Each structure stands twice: as structure tokens, then as C-alpha cells.
């Protein structure tokens, strides 16, 4: 019987989905692993929750129980029901990335977990029973630098000679407006560049999106700040290889994978002072971190990174090296594996 079940109950491909997929691709090399719920790129074909429960009626050979690794409230709830009501021989591991206090219901769910993996030291302060602090990792075999960045950008078809991008849902918390403000300041100094807002706006943020487009039109940049919509996980590595800069300016971020995906692709970043961006930057070697809600500082930092070709090339190499040696999905999988083995050893 399978010994490891990883849940994915969100049909949309989110940041949580991306981090789970990165680790699952590593874990599947080592474990008899089943993905439960919706599919993830490069991962085993998923099974249903009903199938997972059926498979867990008996403990796997050589183990006292199977492990379920969950990352969302509905997944915690399903695992708790399976363990405590259905009395299945399982233990539940939860990954916590939030750098703020969870609300009451998630806190109750988290207290029922058998082990917690926190993604940062700050996140660990907000939950109990943390067994390990393991930063999220990027798949450095999937995200790789382009042999020729100019050709990679040209192949994307957006025009111009270089691209800057922000990636994520279009809404105030993600700082999409700050990216637009920064680009309005930056693009006139880089006349052959294009800026991409990758993502979609939910129904409740359509007015926010319209306001952004109005500001862009007023700045005469409608042909240079583009809204291509969402980019699927299969297309994202090619997009990253073509970019010259990633800029993420959220007002709050629990962790933030986009700079890491850029770094693995040899792309420096500018980020706001939230998430794990300071650690990614390695004291400015891979990117620049600016104060929250400071679009002008972000534009200036981007100008500095882009303005010196030799320093840019060095930063690009450092970004790749840091992602490989400090923030790969292999390192994340290894850290999580220690938590699993500790649970199995305790029985």
C-alpha cells in the first residue's frame, strides 16, 4: 500500500500548487506517492479522496501508518476526518507559510496536525508543533537560464527587445498598482522594453483593473504595459527565460515563489520587503528589496540593476547559483523527508 499521499484540492494552479508540485516531483522518486485531488504538472496522475481513503484502510508494509501531506483548510479537514472519524492509520503533516496569525478556524485545524513544516522562521512563530523550518524550493531542472535571452524574449511575441514582468493575481494585496506605477517611471528610460502583468483579476477586482488601465493610457503606455492574462505552468518556464527582470511588489506575501523561479532562470528581481525576498536576495546578489508600497524605489532599483551590463550579468549568474545551492526543490524535499522519517520512527 502507498505510504505517502499529497493532497491538492484547488483546481486552480496557485502559488501553493506550484510549491507542492515542485516537491512532489522530487518525492515521487523516493516514495510510493499518490496525488489526491486535482492534477499538477509533472506529477503522478491524481486519485480521488474516496480512493485514497480506501487505500489507507491498511497500513503500508513496514510502516505503522501512511502520511498525508496537506496545505489548505479543506485538505486538513478531510485528513482529520479520515484519521479521527474513519480511524484510518494515517498521520497528517501540514505546511504553514503564513507570516501572520491564522484566523480561529484554521488555527483549530492546524492544532490537529501531527507535524507542522514552516517555510520560514517567522511563519514558525505563528503555529505550534513545528517539526522543521524548510524554505520552499524551485525546480531548477524546469526553470533554467536561456542560452540567448534576447532570442527567448523575441520568441514570446510581445515585441521590443526585453521584458519586465510581475506575476500573480491582479489585486491590491499583490501590488499590481505599484508595479504599474514603477513601470510608468521606468519604461521611458528603457524605450525598447515591454512590461507584462501576468495574471487575472477576479470579479471583485475588475474596477481595480480598469483604473490601472486608465492610468496606463494617461501615461501613453498602453502599447508597452500589457495584460496577457494567466500563463499556464507549462508555459511559465519559457516566459521566465525570456525576461530581463522580475518585479514583485506585494503589500503582503507569505513566501513568494516568483522571484525564485526568475532566479533559477538567471533573472534578477526587485521585490518589496515582505515574504522571503530578503533571504532570496542574498544581500543584493540576486535582487533588490525595497520598502513596502514604494514604487519609486522599485523603479530606481530596477534602473540600477539594468544600467550596468557587466554587473547585470554577474547578478544573473549569482541568481542562478543561489537558487541551485540554497533554494532548490531537492533541498525542500530533503527537509520534509526528515519530518516524515521522524514520524515513522516514533510509530
Protein backbone atom coordinates (compact mmCIF):
# COMPACT_ATOMS: atom_id res chain seq x y z
CA UNK A 1 0.00 0.00 0.00
CA UNK A 2 1.10 3.59 -0.63
CA UNK A 3 2.96 5.33 2.15
CA UNK A 4 2.64 8.98 1.10
CA UNK A 5 -0.45 10.90 -0.03
CA UNK A 6 -0.22 14.56 -1.03
CA UNK A 7 -3.45 16.50 -1.42
CA UNK A 8 -4.34 19.21 -3.92
CA UNK A 9 -8.00 20.22 -3.62
CA UNK A 10 -7.75 23.50 -5.55
CA UNK A 11 -8.47 23.15 -9.28
CA UNK A 12 -6.69 26.46 -9.98
CA UNK A 13 -2.92 26.49 -10.28
CA UNK A 14 -1.85 28.78 -7.44
CA UNK A 15 1.40 29.53 -5.65
CA UNK A 16 0.57 26.74 -3.21
CA UNK A 17 0.04 24.41 -6.17
CA UNK A 18 3.41 25.35 -7.64
CA UNK A 19 5.29 24.70 -4.41
CA UNK A 20 3.52 21.38 -3.92
CA UNK A 21 4.28 20.28 -7.47
CA UNK A 22 7.96 21.14 -7.12
CA UNK A 23 8.29 18.91 -4.06
CA UNK A 24 6.08 16.09 -5.35
CA UNK A 25 8.27 15.70 -8.43
CA UNK A 26 11.20 15.10 -6.08
CA UNK A 27 9.32 12.92 -3.60
CA UNK A 28 7.92 10.64 -6.31
CA UNK A 29 11.48 9.49 -6.99
CA UNK A 30 11.71 8.15 -3.44
CA UNK A 31 8.21 7.16 -2.28
CA UNK A 32 5.19 5.24 -3.40
CA UNK A 33 3.30 8.53 -3.65
CA UNK A 34 -0.26 9.35 -4.63
CA UNK A 35 -1.55 12.80 -5.51
CA UNK A 36 -5.11 13.26 -4.21
CA UNK A 37 -7.49 15.72 -5.87
CA UNK A 38 -6.64 17.81 -8.92
CA UNK A 39 -3.67 17.23 -11.26
CA UNK A 40 -0.38 19.07 -11.00
CA UNK A 41 2.19 19.42 -13.81
CA UNK A 42 4.82 16.71 -13.94
CA UNK A 43 3.25 14.81 -11.03
CA UNK A 44 1.59 11.40 -10.84
CA UNK A 45 -1.99 11.24 -12.11
CA UNK A 46 -4.30 12.07 -9.20
CA UNK A 47 -6.70 9.79 -7.39
CA UNK A 48 -9.91 10.78 -5.62
CA UNK A 49 -10.30 11.31 -1.90
CA UNK A 50 -12.51 8.21 -1.79
CA UNK A 51 -9.78 6.16 -3.45
CA UNK A 52 -7.16 7.50 -1.06
CA UNK A 53 -9.26 6.54 1.95
CA UNK A 54 -9.82 3.08 0.53
CA UNK A 55 -6.09 2.61 0.02
CA UNK A 56 -5.36 3.71 3.59
CA UNK A 57 -7.55 1.14 5.32
CA UNK A 58 -4.42 -0.91 5.85
CA UNK A 59 -1.04 0.50 6.85
CA UNK A 60 1.72 0.19 4.24
CA UNK A 61 4.16 -2.69 4.57
CA UNK A 62 6.85 -1.92 7.11
CA UNK A 63 5.04 1.18 8.41
CA UNK A 64 2.51 1.77 11.16
CA UNK A 65 0.69 4.36 9.06
CA UNK A 66 0.66 6.35 5.84
CA UNK A 67 1.42 10.07 5.81
CA UNK A 68 -0.93 12.64 4.32
CA UNK A 69 0.72 15.96 3.48
CA UNK A 70 -1.81 18.81 3.32
CA UNK A 71 -1.53 22.53 2.61
CA UNK A 72 -5.06 24.01 2.69
CA UNK A 73 -8.02 24.15 5.07
CA UNK A 74 -10.24 21.69 3.13
CA UNK A 75 -7.33 19.29 2.90
CA UNK A 76 -6.70 19.47 6.64
CA UNK A 77 -10.40 18.89 7.28
CA UNK A 78 -10.51 15.82 5.02
CA UNK A 79 -7.39 14.37 6.62
CA UNK A 80 -8.68 14.92 10.17
CA UNK A 81 -11.96 13.17 9.28
CA UNK A 82 -10.03 10.29 7.74
CA UNK A 83 -7.81 9.86 10.78
CA UNK A 84 -10.16 10.62 13.66
CA UNK A 85 -13.61 9.59 12.42
CA UNK A 86 -12.84 6.87 9.90
CA UNK A 87 -9.94 5.73 12.12
CA UNK A 88 -7.59 5.19 9.20
CA UNK A 89 -3.93 4.54 10.04
CA UNK A 90 -2.57 7.89 8.85
CA UNK A 91 -0.63 10.84 10.24
CA UNK A 92 -1.05 14.35 8.88
CA UNK A 93 1.70 16.85 8.02
CA UNK A 94 0.82 20.47 7.25
CA UNK A 95 2.98 23.09 5.54
CA UNK A 96 2.46 26.58 7.01
CA UNK A 97 3.71 29.63 5.11
CA UNK A 98 1.60 32.46 6.58
CA UNK A 99 3.65 35.19 8.24
CA UNK A 100 0.72 36.35 10.32
CA UNK A 101 -1.76 34.85 12.76
CA UNK A 102 -4.24 32.45 11.19
CA UNK A 103 -7.92 33.06 11.91
CA UNK A 104 -9.69 30.93 14.53
CA UNK A 105 -10.89 28.06 12.34
CA UNK A 106 -7.55 27.40 10.59
CA UNK A 107 -5.82 27.61 13.98
CA UNK A 108 -8.08 24.83 15.26
CA UNK A 109 -7.38 22.72 12.19
CA UNK A 110 -3.64 23.27 12.50
CA UNK A 111 -3.69 22.19 16.14
CA UNK A 112 -4.97 18.78 15.00
CA UNK A 113 -1.95 18.14 12.79
CA UNK A 114 0.64 15.53 13.72
CA UNK A 115 3.51 17.69 12.49
CA UNK A 116 3.99 21.16 11.05
CA UNK A 117 6.57 22.22 8.48
CA UNK A 118 7.03 26.01 8.48
CA UNK A 119 8.51 27.66 5.43
CA UNK A 120 10.23 30.47 7.35
CA UNK A 121 11.30 31.28 10.88
CA UNK A 122 8.62 33.99 11.01
CA UNK A 123 5.90 31.56 9.92
CA UNK A 124 7.04 29.16 12.64
CA UNK A 125 6.23 31.75 15.31
CA UNK A 126 2.53 31.64 14.44
CA UNK A 127 1.91 27.89 14.81
CA UNK A 128 2.69 25.17 17.34
CA UNK A 129 4.22 21.74 16.86
CA UNK A 130 6.69 22.90 14.21
CA UNK A 131 8.99 20.00 13.45
CA UNK A 132 11.18 21.81 10.93
CA UNK A 133 11.65 25.11 9.12
CA UNK A 134 12.07 24.24 5.45
CA UNK A 135 12.00 27.04 2.84
CA UNK A 136 10.13 26.36 -0.37
CA UNK A 137 12.32 25.39 -3.28
CA UNK A 138 12.21 25.91 -7.02
CA UNK A 139 12.59 23.16 -9.61
CA UNK A 140 15.99 24.13 -11.01
CA UNK A 141 15.73 21.49 -13.72
CA UNK A 142 12.49 23.03 -15.02
CA UNK A 143 13.45 26.69 -14.62
CA UNK A 144 16.78 27.24 -16.36
CA UNK A 145 18.53 30.21 -18.00
CA UNK A 146 18.12 30.78 -21.71
CA UNK A 147 21.22 30.29 -23.87
CA UNK A 148 20.18 33.51 -25.63
CA UNK A 149 17.85 35.71 -23.59
CA UNK A 150 17.15 38.11 -26.47
CA UNK A 151 16.06 35.24 -28.70
CA UNK A 152 13.95 33.75 -25.90
CA UNK A 153 12.19 37.09 -25.41
CA UNK A 154 11.66 37.58 -29.13
CA UNK A 155 10.06 34.13 -29.40
CA UNK A 156 7.38 35.14 -26.90
CA UNK A 157 5.96 37.62 -29.40
CA UNK A 158 5.39 40.64 -27.19
CA UNK A 159 7.67 42.93 -29.17
CA UNK A 160 10.50 45.13 -28.01
CA UNK A 161 13.94 43.84 -27.08
CA UNK A 162 13.46 43.00 -23.40
CA UNK A 163 10.71 42.30 -20.90
CA UNK A 164 9.89 43.05 -17.28
CA UNK A 165 7.05 41.25 -15.53
CA UNK A 166 5.01 40.84 -12.39
CA UNK A 167 3.15 37.56 -11.94
CA UNK A 168 0.12 36.89 -9.76
CA UNK A 169 -3.48 37.76 -9.25
CA UNK A 170 -4.36 41.33 -10.18
CA UNK A 171 -5.40 42.89 -6.91
CA UNK A 172 -4.15 45.45 -4.34
CA UNK A 173 -2.59 42.91 -1.97
CA UNK A 174 -0.33 41.69 -4.78
CA UNK A 175 0.76 45.25 -5.50
CA UNK A 176 -0.21 45.26 -9.16
CA UNK A 177 -0.82 49.00 -8.94
CA UNK A 178 2.67 49.52 -7.54
CA UNK A 179 4.17 47.57 -10.44
CA UNK A 180 2.23 49.76 -12.89
CA UNK A 181 3.41 52.93 -11.14
CA UNK A 182 7.01 51.67 -11.20
CA UNK A 183 6.76 50.85 -14.91
CA UNK A 184 5.31 54.27 -15.70
CA UNK A 185 8.50 55.71 -14.22
CA UNK A 186 10.90 53.08 -15.59
CA UNK A 187 9.82 52.43 -19.17
CA UNK A 188 10.55 55.93 -20.54
CA UNK A 189 14.19 55.28 -19.58
CA UNK A 190 14.14 51.92 -21.40
CA UNK A 191 12.38 52.71 -24.67
CA UNK A 192 12.66 49.20 -26.20
CA UNK A 193 11.30 47.34 -23.17
CA UNK A 194 7.84 45.93 -22.57
CA UNK A 195 6.17 45.28 -19.20
CA UNK A 196 3.86 42.33 -18.60
CA UNK A 197 1.19 41.98 -15.93
CA UNK A 198 0.74 38.21 -15.86
CA UNK A 199 -2.42 37.07 -14.10
CA UNK A 200 -6.11 37.74 -13.95
CA UNK A 201 -8.41 39.96 -11.94
CA UNK A 202 -11.32 38.38 -10.11
CA UNK A 203 -14.81 39.78 -10.46
CA UNK A 204 -14.36 41.88 -7.34
CA UNK A 205 -11.20 43.48 -8.76
CA UNK A 206 -12.45 44.47 -12.22
CA UNK A 207 -12.72 48.14 -11.22
CA UNK A 208 -9.17 47.98 -9.84
CA UNK A 209 -8.01 46.60 -13.21
CA UNK A 210 -9.90 49.27 -15.13
CA UNK A 211 -8.31 52.00 -13.01
CA UNK A 212 -4.86 50.60 -13.78
CA UNK A 213 -5.55 50.59 -17.49
CA UNK A 214 -6.81 54.18 -17.29
CA UNK A 215 -3.57 55.28 -15.61
CA UNK A 216 -1.52 53.44 -18.21
CA UNK A 217 -3.44 55.09 -21.04
CA UNK A 218 -2.92 58.50 -19.47
CA UNK A 219 0.82 57.81 -19.47
CA UNK A 220 0.67 56.81 -23.17
CA UNK A 221 2.00 53.36 -22.35
CA UNK A 222 -0.92 51.14 -23.36
CA UNK A 223 1.24 49.52 -26.05
CA UNK A 224 4.08 48.86 -23.60
CA UNK A 225 2.38 47.71 -20.37
CA UNK A 226 0.50 44.62 -21.45
CA UNK A 227 -2.05 42.34 -19.76
CA UNK A 228 -1.68 38.92 -21.39
CA UNK A 229 -3.74 37.16 -18.73
CA UNK A 230 -2.71 34.00 -16.96
CA UNK A 231 0.22 31.91 -18.16
CA UNK A 232 -0.13 28.20 -17.52
CA UNK A 233 2.51 26.23 -15.62
CA UNK A 234 3.71 24.56 -18.81
CA UNK A 235 4.41 27.93 -20.46
CA UNK A 236 5.82 29.71 -17.42
CA UNK A 237 9.44 28.45 -17.71
CA UNK A 238 9.69 29.76 -21.28
CA UNK A 239 8.32 33.12 -20.19
CA UNK A 240 10.81 33.35 -17.34
CA UNK A 241 13.76 32.56 -19.64
CA UNK A 242 12.87 35.49 -21.84
CA UNK A 243 12.52 38.11 -19.10
CA UNK A 244 15.22 40.57 -18.12
CA UNK A 245 13.67 41.46 -14.75
CA UNK A 246 11.02 40.16 -12.37
CA UNK A 247 9.33 42.76 -10.15
CA UNK A 248 7.06 41.62 -7.31
CA UNK A 249 5.71 44.39 -5.05
CA UNK A 250 3.05 42.79 -2.84
CA UNK A 251 1.83 44.55 0.26
CA UNK A 252 1.88 41.14 1.97
CA UNK A 253 3.35 37.82 0.92
CA UNK A 254 3.63 34.63 2.96
CA UNK A 255 6.62 33.40 0.99
CA UNK A 256 6.62 34.23 -2.72
CA UNK A 257 7.86 31.81 -5.39
CA UNK A 258 8.02 34.11 -8.40
CA UNK A 259 11.43 35.66 -7.60
CA UNK A 260 12.84 32.16 -7.09
CA UNK A 261 11.52 30.99 -10.45
CA UNK A 262 13.14 34.01 -12.02
CA UNK A 263 16.41 33.43 -10.18
CA UNK A 264 16.58 29.82 -11.37
CA UNK A 265 16.12 31.22 -14.88
CA UNK A 266 19.00 33.63 -14.37
CA UNK A 267 16.69 36.64 -13.97
CA UNK A 268 17.33 39.17 -11.15
CA UNK A 269 14.38 40.57 -9.24
CA UNK A 270 13.11 43.65 -7.46
CA UNK A 271 10.78 42.87 -4.56
CA UNK A 272 9.04 44.62 -1.70
CA UNK A 273 10.13 43.92 1.86
CA UNK A 274 7.82 41.01 2.57
CA UNK A 275 7.71 37.25 2.06
CA UNK A 276 11.14 35.61 1.94
CA UNK A 277 12.52 38.16 -0.52
CA UNK A 278 15.34 39.42 1.71
CA UNK A 279 16.71 35.88 2.02
CA UNK A 280 16.41 35.28 -1.72
CA UNK A 281 18.37 38.43 -2.50
CA UNK A 282 21.43 37.21 -0.56
CA UNK A 283 22.35 40.77 0.42
CA UNK A 284 21.74 42.13 -3.05
CA UNK A 285 23.49 39.44 -5.07
CA UNK A 286 20.32 38.12 -6.74
CA UNK A 287 17.99 41.09 -6.49
CA UNK A 288 16.98 44.25 -4.68
CA UNK A 289 14.43 44.58 -1.88
CA UNK A 290 12.69 47.93 -1.46
CA UNK A 291 10.31 49.30 1.20
CA UNK A 292 6.65 48.35 1.06
CA UNK A 293 4.42 50.46 -1.20
CA UNK A 294 7.39 52.36 -2.68
CA UNK A 295 7.02 52.24 -6.46
CA UNK A 296 9.62 54.96 -6.96
CA UNK A 297 12.24 52.97 -5.05
CA UNK A 298 11.37 49.91 -7.12
CA UNK A 299 11.84 51.83 -10.37
CA UNK A 300 15.19 53.19 -9.15
CA UNK A 301 16.37 49.73 -8.06
CA UNK A 302 15.39 48.28 -11.44
CA UNK A 303 17.24 51.07 -13.22
CA UNK A 304 20.37 50.32 -11.19
CA UNK A 305 20.22 46.58 -11.96
CA UNK A 306 19.61 47.11 -15.67
CA UNK A 307 22.01 50.01 -16.12
CA UNK A 308 25.34 48.18 -15.88
CA UNK A 309 25.63 45.22 -18.30
CA UNK A 310 28.62 43.60 -16.57
CA UNK A 311 27.05 43.85 -13.12
CA UNK A 312 23.76 42.60 -14.55
CA UNK A 313 25.50 39.53 -16.00
CA UNK A 314 27.12 38.83 -12.63
CA UNK A 315 23.80 39.21 -10.81
CA UNK A 316 22.15 36.88 -13.30
CA UNK A 317 24.80 34.21 -12.64
CA UNK A 318 24.54 34.71 -8.88
CA UNK A 319 20.75 34.43 -9.01
CA UNK A 320 21.01 31.05 -10.70
CA UNK A 321 23.71 29.82 -8.31
CA UNK A 322 21.78 30.87 -5.21
CA UNK A 323 18.62 29.13 -6.40
CA UNK A 324 20.52 25.91 -7.12
CA UNK A 325 22.57 25.80 -3.95
CA UNK A 326 20.17 27.28 -1.39
CA UNK A 327 16.57 27.15 -2.66
CA UNK A 328 16.10 24.09 -4.86
CA UNK A 329 13.09 21.80 -4.56
CA UNK A 330 15.53 18.97 -3.83
CA UNK A 331 16.62 20.70 -0.64
CA UNK A 332 12.99 21.27 0.32
CA UNK A 333 12.09 17.63 -0.27
CA UNK A 334 15.07 16.56 1.84
CA UNK A 335 13.99 18.75 4.76
CA UNK A 336 10.43 17.45 4.61
CA UNK A 337 11.69 13.88 4.40
CA UNK A 338 13.34 14.28 7.81
CA UNK A 339 9.92 15.15 9.29
CA UNK A 340 8.33 12.08 7.68
CA UNK A 341 11.07 9.75 8.93
CA UNK A 342 10.78 11.13 12.46
CA UNK A 343 7.05 10.39 12.45
CA UNK A 344 7.53 6.87 11.14
CA UNK A 345 10.30 6.15 13.63
CA UNK A 346 8.08 7.19 16.53
CA UNK A 347 5.35 4.85 15.23
